[in-house]
Amino acid sequence: MGRALLAYSEARRTAVAEARRELALNDIDARALFFVVRNPGARPSDVRDHLGITSAGVTTLIDRLVQRGAVRRDLDTKDRRVNHITATVDLDAHPWALLSAFDRAVDDAVERLDPDERQRVAEIIDGIVAAVTGPKA
């Protein structure tokens, strides 16, 4: 099971790296873009905290994504000192869909499994992840 999880992880890492090369994105920019897609209207501090980078680093990162046309900054209507970051690209449309193509293919394969088997495998994987990432004694 451990080898299978490692093989999955490596296959996903390789697929995302190839997509990033195609899109000329570095790893942290891609991670930030995924975060903003999942959290529309996020503040730069939310992106900073999620990625564990400095305030200056997140400003530079967001500048790069704005220049690429991947995100936009919107001023807060109540506090003009605050920006909200929103994705302007569709991760389901070419070329940005390259970033999530592997995950969509995995989802499709999982959907073809028997529902009971799918549930049991999910429970096993969740248990393994919890065991290795949970609180240390």
Protein backbone atom coordinates (compact mmCIF):
# COMPACT_ATOMS: atom_id res chain seq x y z
CA MET A 1 0.00 0.00 0.00
CA GLY A 2 2.81 2.38 0.87
CA ARG A 3 4.47 1.81 -2.53
CA ALA A 4 1.16 2.45 -4.27
CA LEU A 5 0.68 5.75 -2.43
CA LEU A 6 4.23 6.80 -3.24
CA ALA A 7 3.71 5.87 -6.92
CA TYR A 8 0.51 7.95 -7.01
CA SER A 9 2.29 10.88 -5.38
CA GLU A 10 5.19 10.71 -7.84
CA ALA A 11 2.87 10.39 -10.86
CA ARG A 12 0.88 13.43 -9.72
CA ARG A 13 4.02 15.45 -8.99
CA THR A 14 5.36 14.64 -12.47
CA ALA A 15 2.08 15.54 -14.19
CA VAL A 16 1.78 18.87 -12.35
CA ALA A 17 5.45 19.69 -13.02
CA GLU A 18 4.92 19.11 -16.74
CA ALA A 19 1.81 21.30 -16.70
CA ARG A 20 3.71 24.04 -14.87
CA ARG A 21 6.47 23.88 -17.52
CA GLU A 22 3.85 24.20 -20.26
CA LEU A 23 2.31 27.21 -18.50
CA ALA A 24 5.66 28.71 -17.41
CA LEU A 25 4.59 28.73 -13.74
CA ASN A 26 6.79 27.93 -10.80
CA ASP A 27 5.58 25.66 -8.00
CA ILE A 28 4.61 28.38 -5.53
CA ASP A 29 2.70 30.34 -8.20
CA ALA A 30 0.72 27.21 -9.09
CA ARG A 31 0.00 26.49 -5.42
CA ALA A 32 -1.14 30.08 -4.92
CA LEU A 33 -3.38 29.89 -7.98
CA PHE A 34 -5.02 26.68 -6.72
CA PHE A 35 -5.59 28.35 -3.34
CA VAL A 36 -7.17 31.44 -4.90
CA VAL A 37 -9.40 29.30 -7.14
CA ARG A 38 -10.63 27.41 -4.06
CA ASN A 39 -10.92 30.64 -2.02
CA PRO A 40 -12.21 33.42 -4.27
CA GLY A 41 -11.78 36.84 -2.73
CA ALA A 42 -8.96 35.69 -0.46
CA ARG A 43 -6.83 38.41 1.05
CA PRO A 44 -3.11 38.44 0.31
CA SER A 45 -2.51 37.58 3.99
CA ASP A 46 -4.60 34.40 3.50
CA VAL A 47 -2.39 33.41 0.56
CA ARG A 48 0.72 34.29 2.58
CA ASP A 49 -0.39 32.19 5.54
CA HIS A 50 -1.36 29.24 3.35
CA LEU A 51 2.01 29.21 1.59
CA GLY A 52 4.12 30.19 4.60
CA ILE A 53 5.88 33.06 2.83
CA THR A 54 6.62 36.67 3.76
CA SER A 55 4.39 39.67 3.06
CA ALA A 56 6.88 40.91 0.47
CA GLY A 57 6.96 37.45 -1.10
CA VAL A 58 3.18 37.28 -1.44
CA THR A 59 3.08 40.76 -2.97
CA THR A 60 5.64 39.74 -5.60
CA LEU A 61 3.86 36.44 -6.22
CA ILE A 62 0.47 38.12 -6.71
CA ASP A 63 2.10 40.72 -8.99
CA ARG A 64 3.38 37.85 -11.18
CA LEU A 65 -0.04 36.21 -11.32
CA VAL A 66 -1.74 39.53 -12.12
CA GLN A 67 0.78 40.15 -14.93
CA ARG A 68 0.01 36.67 -16.30
CA GLY A 69 -3.69 37.49 -16.26
CA ALA A 70 -4.34 34.59 -13.88
CA VAL A 71 -5.74 36.63 -10.98
CA ARG A 72 -7.01 40.12 -10.28
CA ARG A 73 -6.91 42.37 -7.24
CA ASP A 74 -10.19 43.92 -6.13
CA LEU A 75 -10.34 46.68 -3.54
CA ASP A 76 -12.52 45.99 -0.53
CA THR A 77 -15.63 48.18 -0.72
CA LYS A 78 -15.51 48.94 3.02
CA ASP A 79 -11.76 49.27 3.53
CA ARG A 80 -9.79 50.47 0.53
CA ARG A 81 -6.52 49.40 2.18
CA VAL A 82 -7.60 45.77 1.71
CA ASN A 83 -7.32 43.78 -1.50
CA HIS A 84 -9.16 40.61 -2.41
CA ILE A 85 -7.62 38.20 -4.90
CA THR A 86 -9.80 36.40 -7.42
CA ALA A 87 -8.79 33.96 -10.15
CA THR A 88 -9.53 35.12 -13.68
CA VAL A 89 -8.66 31.83 -15.35
CA ASP A 90 -10.77 28.71 -15.67
CA LEU A 91 -8.87 25.64 -14.51
CA ASP A 92 -11.28 23.54 -16.56
CA ALA A 93 -10.37 25.32 -19.82
CA HIS A 94 -7.24 25.02 -21.94
CA PRO A 95 -4.43 25.77 -21.21
CA TRP A 96 -5.02 26.09 -17.45
CA ALA A 97 -6.79 22.71 -17.34
CA LEU A 98 -3.34 21.15 -17.70
CA LEU A 99 -2.76 21.90 -14.01
CA SER A 100 -5.61 19.67 -12.88
CA ALA A 101 -5.76 17.11 -15.72
CA PHE A 102 -4.17 14.36 -13.60
CA ASP A 103 -6.58 14.93 -10.71
CA ARG A 104 -9.57 14.85 -13.08
CA ALA A 105 -8.32 11.59 -14.60
CA VAL A 106 -7.95 10.08 -11.11
CA ASP A 107 -11.46 11.25 -10.19
CA ASP A 108 -12.82 9.59 -13.35
CA ALA A 109 -11.03 6.33 -12.53
CA VAL A 110 -12.29 6.41 -8.94
CA GLU A 111 -15.87 6.96 -10.14
CA ARG A 112 -15.65 3.67 -12.07
CA LEU A 113 -15.00 1.73 -8.84
CA ASP A 114 -17.76 -0.01 -6.96
CA PRO A 115 -19.19 2.54 -4.47
CA ASP A 116 -18.54 0.32 -1.45
CA GLU A 117 -14.97 -0.35 -2.59
CA ARG A 118 -14.45 3.38 -3.23
CA GLN A 119 -15.65 4.19 0.31
CA ARG A 120 -13.42 1.55 1.91
CA VAL A 121 -10.32 2.67 -0.02
CA ALA A 122 -11.02 6.30 0.95
CA GLU A 123 -11.27 5.31 4.61
CA ILE A 124 -7.98 3.40 4.42
CA ILE A 125 -6.15 6.30 2.76
CA ASP A 126 -7.66 8.84 5.19
CA GLY A 127 -6.53 6.63 8.08
CA ILE A 128 -3.00 6.37 6.74
CA VAL A 129 -2.75 10.12 6.17
CA ALA A 130 -4.12 10.83 9.66
CA ALA A 131 -1.62 8.39 11.18
CA VAL A 132 1.39 10.09 9.58
CA THR A 133 0.25 13.72 9.88
CA GLY A 134 -1.58 13.63 13.21
CA PRO A 135 -0.25 14.85 16.53
CA LYS A 136 3.07 13.37 17.59
CA ALA A 137 3.28 11.71 20.98
